[in-house]
Amino acid sequence: MARRSRERSGNGLPSYMDPGDPRVHRPRRGPWAWVSRLSEEVKAAWIQVIAGPIAAAIAAGAVGYFVGSHDATNRRPVPTVTVTSTIMAAPAPSPSTAAIPSAQATSKTVYLKDLPLNSSDGAFGEWSSRPSKIHTELYRNVFRGSSYCGGDIYRDYELPKRYSRFTAIVGVADDSPDPQELTFYVEVNGARVVDEPVPVGAQHPIDITLGASAVRLKIGIENPCDETVGVWANARLES
């Protein structure tokens, strides 16, 4: 092995220990040794390139976190509304209102008062619909007639085809000033089919069958004087 030279340098050290001698100062080389050889400007540029996106990502994440936390803190839950509907059934009619009054027409009947009047004779008297009593029984669906002793009074109707029967109750009104016997009559197509005298204090039912050819119906009272009032009660047609 060759012996090292003992020649000394100007600083008094052996030549192999001289810092200026490249053989003496040989730094170790690691994987990042190349960084030390870069200039300061290049290092600053690389730091900006690398650190800029990282800082932006961190900032964006922090803003999103705080905004999300704020929204989550202040967000109120949306209430759930449930809408329900209740259908109320109509109450059943009580027995007192369900019954049809005796003087009310049904689908198979029609009262003369509900039909158009074809003609009437009021030259010698008058008709009214004031409720009246016949032999103490009160009737509300009525034709109440009286005259000045000058002749008959009547009411004339055209018959609907679907009806085949005519019924009524006749008599002298209990409140007549001077009650006397009266004659009530019915004509069908101009022919008299009922001609009935009714004494005071009596009720007389009328019930006639109408043929298919019946087109006109007339009801009347013969010569009722003004002191005697005749009543047609519940006069109606039936099918």
C-alpha atoms as a PDB file:
ATOM      1  CA  MET A   1       0.000   0.000   0.000  1.00  0.00           C
ATOM      2  CA  ALA A   2       1.409   3.417  -0.887  1.00  0.00           C
ATOM      3  CA  ARG A   3       2.009   5.644   1.956  1.00  0.00           C
ATOM      4  CA  ARG A   4       0.281   8.956   2.115  1.00  0.00           C
ATOM      5  CA  SER A   5       2.402  11.979   1.531  1.00  0.00           C
ATOM      6  CA  ARG A   6       3.269  13.845   4.596  1.00  0.00           C
ATOM      7  CA  GLU A   7       3.628  17.055   2.665  1.00  0.00           C
ATOM      8  CA  ARG A   8       1.966  19.839   4.483  1.00  0.00           C
ATOM      9  CA  SER A   9      -0.051  22.661   3.011  1.00  0.00           C
ATOM     10  CA  GLY A  10       0.142  26.357   3.739  1.00  0.00           C
ATOM     11  CA  ASN A  11      -2.235  26.118   6.702  1.00  0.00           C
ATOM     12  CA  GLY A  12      -0.116  23.623   8.402  1.00  0.00           C
ATOM     13  CA  LEU A  13      -2.318  20.657   7.674  1.00  0.00           C
ATOM     14  CA  PRO A  14      -1.350  17.713   5.723  1.00  0.00           C
ATOM     15  CA  SER A  15      -2.161  18.038   2.093  1.00  0.00           C
ATOM     16  CA  TYR A  16      -4.782  15.314   2.241  1.00  0.00           C
ATOM     17  CA  MET A  17      -6.678  17.315   4.927  1.00  0.00           C
ATOM     18  CA  ASP A  18      -6.648  20.600   2.996  1.00  0.00           C
ATOM     19  CA  PRO A  19     -10.260  21.823   2.510  1.00  0.00           C
ATOM     20  CA  GLY A  20      -9.354  23.158  -0.860  1.00  0.00           C
ATOM     21  CA  ASP A  21      -8.229  19.818  -2.004  1.00  0.00           C
ATOM     22  CA  PRO A  22     -11.196  18.128  -3.834  1.00  0.00           C
ATOM     23  CA  ARG A  23      -9.982  14.865  -2.543  1.00  0.00           C
ATOM     24  CA  VAL A  24     -10.593  16.007   1.033  1.00  0.00           C
ATOM     25  CA  HIS A  25     -14.129  17.707   0.737  1.00  0.00           C
ATOM     26  CA  ARG A  26     -16.423  15.199  -0.901  1.00  0.00           C
ATOM     27  CA  PRO A  27     -20.082  15.624   0.305  1.00  0.00           C
ATOM     28  CA  ARG A  28     -22.278  12.586   0.317  1.00  0.00           C
ATOM     29  CA  ARG A  29     -24.840  12.361  -2.498  1.00  0.00           C
ATOM     30  CA  GLY A  30     -28.497  11.436  -1.507  1.00  0.00           C
ATOM     31  CA  PRO A  31     -31.704  11.163  -3.618  1.00  0.00           C
ATOM     32  CA  TRP A  32     -32.496  14.871  -3.097  1.00  0.00           C
ATOM     33  CA  ALA A  33     -28.941  16.068  -3.586  1.00  0.00           C
ATOM     34  CA  TRP A  34     -29.954  17.634  -6.930  1.00  0.00           C
ATOM     35  CA  VAL A  35     -32.154  20.140  -5.085  1.00  0.00           C
ATOM     36  CA  SER A  36     -29.146  21.784  -3.507  1.00  0.00           C
ATOM     37  CA  ARG A  37     -27.721  22.558  -6.912  1.00  0.00           C
ATOM     38  CA  LEU A  38     -30.857  24.538  -7.979  1.00  0.00           C
ATOM     39  CA  SER A  39     -30.817  28.313  -7.839  1.00  0.00           C
ATOM     40  CA  GLU A  40     -33.020  30.187  -5.388  1.00  0.00           C
ATOM     41  CA  GLU A  41     -35.309  31.483  -8.175  1.00  0.00           C
ATOM     42  CA  VAL A  42     -35.964  27.998  -9.474  1.00  0.00           C
ATOM     43  CA  LYS A  43     -36.674  26.740  -5.963  1.00  0.00           C
ATOM     44  CA  ALA A  44     -39.217  29.577  -5.363  1.00  0.00           C
ATOM     45  CA  ALA A  45     -40.954  28.855  -8.670  1.00  0.00           C
ATOM     46  CA  TRP A  46     -41.277  25.175  -7.858  1.00  0.00           C
ATOM     47  CA  ILE A  47     -42.626  25.981  -4.387  1.00  0.00           C
ATOM     48  CA  GLN A  48     -45.339  28.197  -5.938  1.00  0.00           C
ATOM     49  CA  VAL A  49     -46.259  25.510  -8.478  1.00  0.00           C
ATOM     50  CA  ILE A  50     -46.561  22.812  -5.838  1.00  0.00           C
ATOM     51  CA  ALA A  51     -47.896  24.814  -2.892  1.00  0.00           C
ATOM     52  CA  GLY A  52     -50.497  26.846  -4.863  1.00  0.00           C
ATOM     53  CA  PRO A  53     -52.922  23.974  -5.729  1.00  0.00           C
ATOM     54  CA  ILE A  54     -52.464  22.433  -2.313  1.00  0.00           C
ATOM     55  CA  ALA A  55     -53.355  25.681  -0.570  1.00  0.00           C
ATOM     56  CA  ALA A  56     -56.367  26.209  -2.871  1.00  0.00           C
ATOM     57  CA  ALA A  57     -57.649  22.688  -2.197  1.00  0.00           C
ATOM     58  CA  ILE A  58     -57.252  23.152   1.559  1.00  0.00           C
ATOM     59  CA  ALA A  59     -59.041  26.520   1.421  1.00  0.00           C
ATOM     60  CA  ALA A  60     -61.904  25.137  -0.665  1.00  0.00           C
ATOM     61  CA  GLY A  61     -62.335  22.221   1.708  1.00  0.00           C
ATOM     62  CA  ALA A  62     -62.412  24.520   4.708  1.00  0.00           C
ATOM     63  CA  VAL A  63     -65.011  26.834   3.121  1.00  0.00           C
ATOM     64  CA  GLY A  64     -67.209  23.883   2.155  1.00  0.00           C
ATOM     65  CA  TYR A  65     -66.950  22.476   5.626  1.00  0.00           C
ATOM     66  CA  PHE A  66     -67.955  25.705   7.353  1.00  0.00           C
ATOM     67  CA  VAL A  67     -70.743  26.481   4.866  1.00  0.00           C
ATOM     68  CA  GLY A  68     -72.093  22.971   5.159  1.00  0.00           C
ATOM     69  CA  SER A  69     -71.939  23.161   8.928  1.00  0.00           C
ATOM     70  CA  HIS A  70     -73.761  26.505   8.876  1.00  0.00           C
ATOM     71  CA  ASP A  71     -76.492  25.194   6.560  1.00  0.00           C
ATOM     72  CA  ALA A  72     -76.877  22.055   8.598  1.00  0.00           C
ATOM     73  CA  THR A  73     -77.132  24.095  11.767  1.00  0.00           C
ATOM     74  CA  ASN A  74     -79.664  26.619  10.441  1.00  0.00           C
ATOM     75  CA  ARG A  75     -81.668  24.314   8.161  1.00  0.00           C
ATOM     76  CA  ARG A  76     -85.122  23.735   9.608  1.00  0.00           C
ATOM     77  CA  PRO A  77     -86.844  20.467   8.934  1.00  0.00           C
ATOM     78  CA  VAL A  78     -89.706  20.738   6.416  1.00  0.00           C
ATOM     79  CA  PRO A  79     -92.924  19.826   8.177  1.00  0.00           C
ATOM     80  CA  THR A  80     -94.955  16.993   6.737  1.00  0.00           C
ATOM     81  CA  VAL A  81     -98.609  17.878   6.222  1.00  0.00           C
ATOM     82  CA  THR A  82    -101.187  15.148   5.918  1.00  0.00           C
ATOM     83  CA  VAL A  83    -104.559  16.184   4.459  1.00  0.00           C
ATOM     84  CA  THR A  84    -107.535  14.030   5.179  1.00  0.00           C
ATOM     85  CA  SER A  85    -111.128  14.497   4.086  1.00  0.00           C
ATOM     86  CA  THR A  86    -114.163  13.213   5.861  1.00  0.00           C
ATOM     87  CA  ILE A  87    -117.409  12.609   4.033  1.00  0.00           C
ATOM     88  CA  MET A  88    -120.333  13.017   6.347  1.00  0.00           C
ATOM     89  CA  ALA A  89    -123.321  10.908   5.529  1.00  0.00           C
ATOM     90  CA  ALA A  90    -126.608  12.740   5.411  1.00  0.00           C
ATOM     91  CA  PRO A  91    -128.671  11.972   8.489  1.00  0.00           C
ATOM     92  CA  ALA A  92    -131.624   9.747   7.948  1.00  0.00           C
ATOM     93  CA  PRO A  93    -134.908  11.627   8.115  1.00  0.00           C
ATOM     94  CA  SER A  94    -136.811  11.266  11.309  1.00  0.00           C
ATOM     95  CA  PRO A  95    -140.131   9.430  11.180  1.00  0.00           C
ATOM     96  CA  SER A  96    -141.973  12.712  11.607  1.00  0.00           C
ATOM     97  CA  THR A  97    -140.434  14.192   8.422  1.00  0.00           C
ATOM     98  CA  ALA A  98    -140.093  11.055   6.326  1.00  0.00           C
ATOM     99  CA  ALA A  99    -143.802  10.454   5.975  1.00  0.00           C
ATOM    100  CA  ILE A 100    -145.498  12.047   2.965  1.00  0.00           C
ATOM    101  CA  PRO A 101    -148.478  14.178   3.991  1.00  0.00           C
ATOM    102  CA  SER A 102    -151.807  12.913   2.736  1.00  0.00           C
ATOM    103  CA  ALA A 103    -152.330  16.028   0.599  1.00  0.00           C
ATOM    104  CA  GLN A 104    -148.889  15.843  -1.098  1.00  0.00           C
ATOM    105  CA  ALA A 105    -148.687  14.475  -4.627  1.00  0.00           C
ATOM    106  CA  THR A 106    -146.396  11.549  -5.420  1.00  0.00           C
ATOM    107  CA  SER A 107    -144.796  10.613  -8.747  1.00  0.00           C
ATOM    108  CA  LYS A 108    -148.022   8.812  -9.754  1.00  0.00           C
ATOM    109  CA  THR A 109    -150.392  11.642  -8.856  1.00  0.00           C
ATOM    110  CA  VAL A 110    -150.843  15.308  -9.695  1.00  0.00           C
ATOM    111  CA  TYR A 111    -153.115  17.836  -8.043  1.00  0.00           C
ATOM    112  CA  LEU A 112    -155.316  20.032 -10.189  1.00  0.00           C
ATOM    113  CA  LYS A 113    -153.817  23.098  -8.526  1.00  0.00           C
ATOM    114  CA  ASP A 114    -150.480  22.134 -10.119  1.00  0.00           C
ATOM    115  CA  LEU A 115    -151.930  21.917 -13.650  1.00  0.00           C
ATOM    116  CA  PRO A 116    -152.395  24.926 -15.918  1.00  0.00           C
ATOM    117  CA  LEU A 117    -155.973  26.191 -15.806  1.00  0.00           C
ATOM    118  CA  ASN A 118    -157.613  26.140 -19.225  1.00  0.00           C
ATOM    119  CA  SER A 119    -160.576  28.348 -18.277  1.00  0.00           C
ATOM    120  CA  SER A 120    -162.819  29.219 -15.343  1.00  0.00           C
ATOM    121  CA  ASP A 121    -166.041  31.077 -14.722  1.00  0.00           C
ATOM    122  CA  GLY A 122    -165.625  33.899 -12.259  1.00  0.00           C
ATOM    123  CA  ALA A 123    -168.201  36.278 -13.703  1.00  0.00           C
ATOM    124  CA  PHE A 124    -170.648  35.497 -10.952  1.00  0.00           C
ATOM    125  CA  GLY A 125    -168.283  34.427  -8.194  1.00  0.00           C
ATOM    126  CA  GLU A 126    -164.767  33.710  -7.143  1.00  0.00           C
ATOM    127  CA  TRP A 127    -162.349  30.917  -6.276  1.00  0.00           C
ATOM    128  CA  SER A 128    -159.751  30.870  -3.512  1.00  0.00           C
ATOM    129  CA  SER A 129    -157.301  28.342  -2.039  1.00  0.00           C
ATOM    130  CA  ARG A 130    -157.751  29.246   1.610  1.00  0.00           C
ATOM    131  CA  PRO A 131    -157.647  26.139   3.853  1.00  0.00           C
ATOM    132  CA  SER A 132    -161.186  25.138   4.821  1.00  0.00           C
ATOM    133  CA  LYS A 133    -163.032  22.714   7.052  1.00  0.00           C
ATOM    134  CA  ILE A 134    -165.695  20.315   5.835  1.00  0.00           C
ATOM    135  CA  HIS A 135    -167.663  18.792   8.703  1.00  0.00           C
ATOM    136  CA  THR A 136    -164.896  19.787  11.187  1.00  0.00           C
ATOM    137  CA  GLU A 137    -162.066  18.245   9.099  1.00  0.00           C
ATOM    138  CA  LEU A 138    -159.449  20.700   7.876  1.00  0.00           C
ATOM    139  CA  TYR A 139    -158.226  20.540   4.263  1.00  0.00           C
ATOM    140  CA  ARG A 140    -155.319  22.623   2.999  1.00  0.00           C
ATOM    141  CA  ASN A 141    -155.263  21.644  -0.682  1.00  0.00           C
ATOM    142  CA  VAL A 142    -158.594  23.139  -1.729  1.00  0.00           C
ATOM    143  CA  PHE A 143    -160.605  25.121  -4.277  1.00  0.00           C
ATOM    144  CA  ARG A 144    -163.076  27.227  -2.346  1.00  0.00           C
ATOM    145  CA  GLY A 145    -165.887  28.730  -4.476  1.00  0.00           C
ATOM    146  CA  SER A 146    -168.872  31.019  -4.038  1.00  0.00           C
ATOM    147  CA  SER A 147    -170.976  33.268  -6.311  1.00  0.00           C
ATOM    148  CA  TYR A 148    -173.607  35.976  -6.252  1.00  0.00           C
ATOM    149  CA  CYS A 149    -176.459  33.591  -6.935  1.00  0.00           C
ATOM    150  CA  GLY A 150    -176.062  34.293 -10.622  1.00  0.00           C
ATOM    151  CA  GLY A 151    -175.115  30.862 -11.958  1.00  0.00           C
ATOM    152  CA  ASP A 152    -172.617  28.030 -11.855  1.00  0.00           C
ATOM    153  CA  ILE A 153    -168.885  28.423 -11.274  1.00  0.00           C
ATOM    154  CA  TYR A 154    -166.347  25.941 -12.689  1.00  0.00           C
ATOM    155  CA  ARG A 155    -162.705  25.171 -13.462  1.00  0.00           C
ATOM    156  CA  ASP A 156    -161.659  23.557 -16.757  1.00  0.00           C
ATOM    157  CA  TYR A 157    -158.421  21.568 -17.420  1.00  0.00           C
ATOM    158  CA  GLU A 158    -156.779  19.701 -20.258  1.00  0.00           C
ATOM    159  CA  LEU A 159    -155.963  16.159 -19.120  1.00  0.00           C
ATOM    160  CA  PRO A 160    -152.451  14.699 -19.379  1.00  0.00           C
ATOM    161  CA  LYS A 161    -152.593  11.328 -21.141  1.00  0.00           C
ATOM    162  CA  ARG A 162    -150.879   9.288 -18.439  1.00  0.00           C
ATOM    163  CA  TYR A 163    -153.637   9.689 -15.830  1.00  0.00           C
ATOM    164  CA  SER A 164    -156.688   7.437 -15.670  1.00  0.00           C
ATOM    165  CA  ARG A 165    -158.453   8.376 -12.436  1.00  0.00           C
ATOM    166  CA  PHE A 166    -159.848  11.487 -10.754  1.00  0.00           C
ATOM    167  CA  THR A 167    -160.609  11.735  -7.016  1.00  0.00           C
ATOM    168  CA  ALA A 168    -161.688  14.489  -4.638  1.00  0.00           C
ATOM    169  CA  ILE A 169    -163.654  15.314  -1.470  1.00  0.00           C
ATOM    170  CA  VAL A 170    -166.502  17.853  -1.752  1.00  0.00           C
ATOM    171  CA  GLY A 171    -168.792  19.562   0.740  1.00  0.00           C
ATOM    172  CA  VAL A 172    -170.070  22.811   2.201  1.00  0.00           C
ATOM    173  CA  ALA A 173    -167.506  24.880   4.112  1.00  0.00           C
ATOM    174  CA  ASP A 174    -168.110  24.974   7.866  1.00  0.00           C
ATOM    175  CA  ASP A 175    -167.514  28.739   7.926  1.00  0.00           C
ATOM    176  CA  SER A 176    -170.236  29.546   5.351  1.00  0.00           C
ATOM    177  CA  PRO A 177    -172.303  32.513   6.612  1.00  0.00           C
ATOM    178  CA  ASP A 178    -175.547  30.836   5.516  1.00  0.00           C
ATOM    179  CA  PRO A 179    -174.754  27.166   4.771  1.00  0.00           C
ATOM    180  CA  GLN A 180    -177.079  25.491   2.288  1.00  0.00           C
ATOM    181  CA  GLU A 181    -177.016  22.263   0.290  1.00  0.00           C
ATOM    182  CA  LEU A 182    -174.865  22.497  -2.851  1.00  0.00           C
ATOM    183  CA  THR A 183    -174.590  20.410  -6.026  1.00  0.00           C
ATOM    184  CA  PHE A 184    -171.092  19.462  -7.241  1.00  0.00           C
ATOM    185  CA  TYR A 185    -170.499  18.147 -10.743  1.00  0.00           C
ATOM    186  CA  VAL A 186    -167.760  16.727 -13.010  1.00  0.00           C
ATOM    187  CA  GLU A 187    -167.674  16.781 -16.811  1.00  0.00           C
ATOM    188  CA  VAL A 188    -165.308  14.781 -19.041  1.00  0.00           C
ATOM    189  CA  ASN A 189    -165.004  15.903 -22.674  1.00  0.00           C
ATOM    190  CA  GLY A 190    -168.125  18.016 -22.153  1.00  0.00           C
ATOM    191  CA  ALA A 191    -170.287  15.166 -20.797  1.00  0.00           C
ATOM    192  CA  ARG A 192    -171.472  15.327 -17.192  1.00  0.00           C
ATOM    193  CA  VAL A 193    -170.430  12.190 -15.310  1.00  0.00           C
ATOM    194  CA  VAL A 194    -171.014  13.366 -11.717  1.00  0.00           C
ATOM    195  CA  ASP A 195    -173.915  15.475 -10.463  1.00  0.00           C
ATOM    196  CA  GLU A 196    -174.004  15.161  -6.686  1.00  0.00           C
ATOM    197  CA  PRO A 197    -176.028  17.241  -4.186  1.00  0.00           C
ATOM    198  CA  VAL A 198    -174.220  17.417  -0.826  1.00  0.00           C
ATOM    199  CA  PRO A 199    -176.031  18.528   2.329  1.00  0.00           C
ATOM    200  CA  VAL A 200    -174.518  20.710   5.037  1.00  0.00           C
ATOM    201  CA  GLY A 201    -172.333  18.803   7.504  1.00  0.00           C
ATOM    202  CA  ALA A 202    -171.423  16.019   5.041  1.00  0.00           C
ATOM    203  CA  GLN A 203    -168.310  15.049   3.107  1.00  0.00           C
ATOM    204  CA  HIS A 204    -168.787  13.353  -0.233  1.00  0.00           C
ATOM    205  CA  PRO A 205    -165.959  11.464  -2.005  1.00  0.00           C
ATOM    206  CA  ILE A 206    -165.749  11.588  -5.791  1.00  0.00           C
ATOM    207  CA  ASP A 207    -163.912   8.820  -7.632  1.00  0.00           C
ATOM    208  CA  ILE A 208    -164.243   8.382 -11.395  1.00  0.00           C
ATOM    209  CA  THR A 209    -162.339   6.434 -14.037  1.00  0.00           C
ATOM    210  CA  LEU A 210    -161.061   8.363 -17.023  1.00  0.00           C
ATOM    211  CA  GLY A 211    -161.038   6.583 -20.362  1.00  0.00           C
ATOM    212  CA  ALA A 212    -158.196   6.720 -22.840  1.00  0.00           C
ATOM    213  CA  SER A 213    -160.094   9.305 -24.872  1.00  0.00           C
ATOM    214  CA  ALA A 214    -160.513  11.750 -21.953  1.00  0.00           C
ATOM    215  CA  VAL A 215    -158.842  15.053 -22.794  1.00  0.00           C
ATOM    216  CA  ARG A 216    -160.912  17.657 -20.887  1.00  0.00           C
ATOM    217  CA  LEU A 217    -162.010  17.785 -17.248  1.00  0.00           C
ATOM    218  CA  LYS A 218    -164.346  20.338 -15.707  1.00  0.00           C
ATOM    219  CA  ILE A 219    -165.279  20.570 -12.026  1.00  0.00           C
ATOM    220  CA  GLY A 220    -167.993  22.944 -10.809  1.00  0.00           C
ATOM    221  CA  ILE A 221    -170.602  24.002  -8.260  1.00  0.00           C
ATOM    222  CA  GLU A 222    -174.174  24.790  -9.267  1.00  0.00           C
ATOM    223  CA  ASN A 223    -175.354  28.253  -8.309  1.00  0.00           C
ATOM    224  CA  PRO A 224    -173.616  28.724  -4.953  1.00  0.00           C
ATOM    225  CA  CYS A 225    -174.874  31.964  -3.403  1.00  0.00           C
ATOM    226  CA  ASP A 226    -172.404  34.208  -1.641  1.00  0.00           C
ATOM    227  CA  GLU A 227    -173.655  33.100   1.746  1.00  0.00           C
ATOM    228  CA  THR A 228    -172.820  29.443   0.952  1.00  0.00           C
ATOM    229  CA  VAL A 229    -169.270  28.320   0.132  1.00  0.00           C
ATOM    230  CA  GLY A 230    -168.522  25.051  -1.641  1.00  0.00           C
ATOM    231  CA  VAL A 231    -165.157  23.252  -1.274  1.00  0.00           C
ATOM    232  CA  TRP A 232    -163.276  20.885  -3.577  1.00  0.00           C
ATOM    233  CA  ALA A 233    -160.586  19.262  -1.422  1.00  0.00           C
ATOM    234  CA  ASN A 234    -157.578  17.186  -2.550  1.00  0.00           C
ATOM    235  CA  ALA A 235    -158.757  17.178  -6.190  1.00  0.00           C
ATOM    236  CA  ARG A 236    -156.164  15.113  -8.051  1.00  0.00           C
ATOM    237  CA  LEU A 237    -155.393  12.831 -10.980  1.00  0.00           C
ATOM    238  CA  GLU A 238    -153.902   9.371 -10.527  1.00  0.00           C
ATOM    239  CA  SER A 239    -152.190   7.076 -12.993  1.00  0.00           C
END
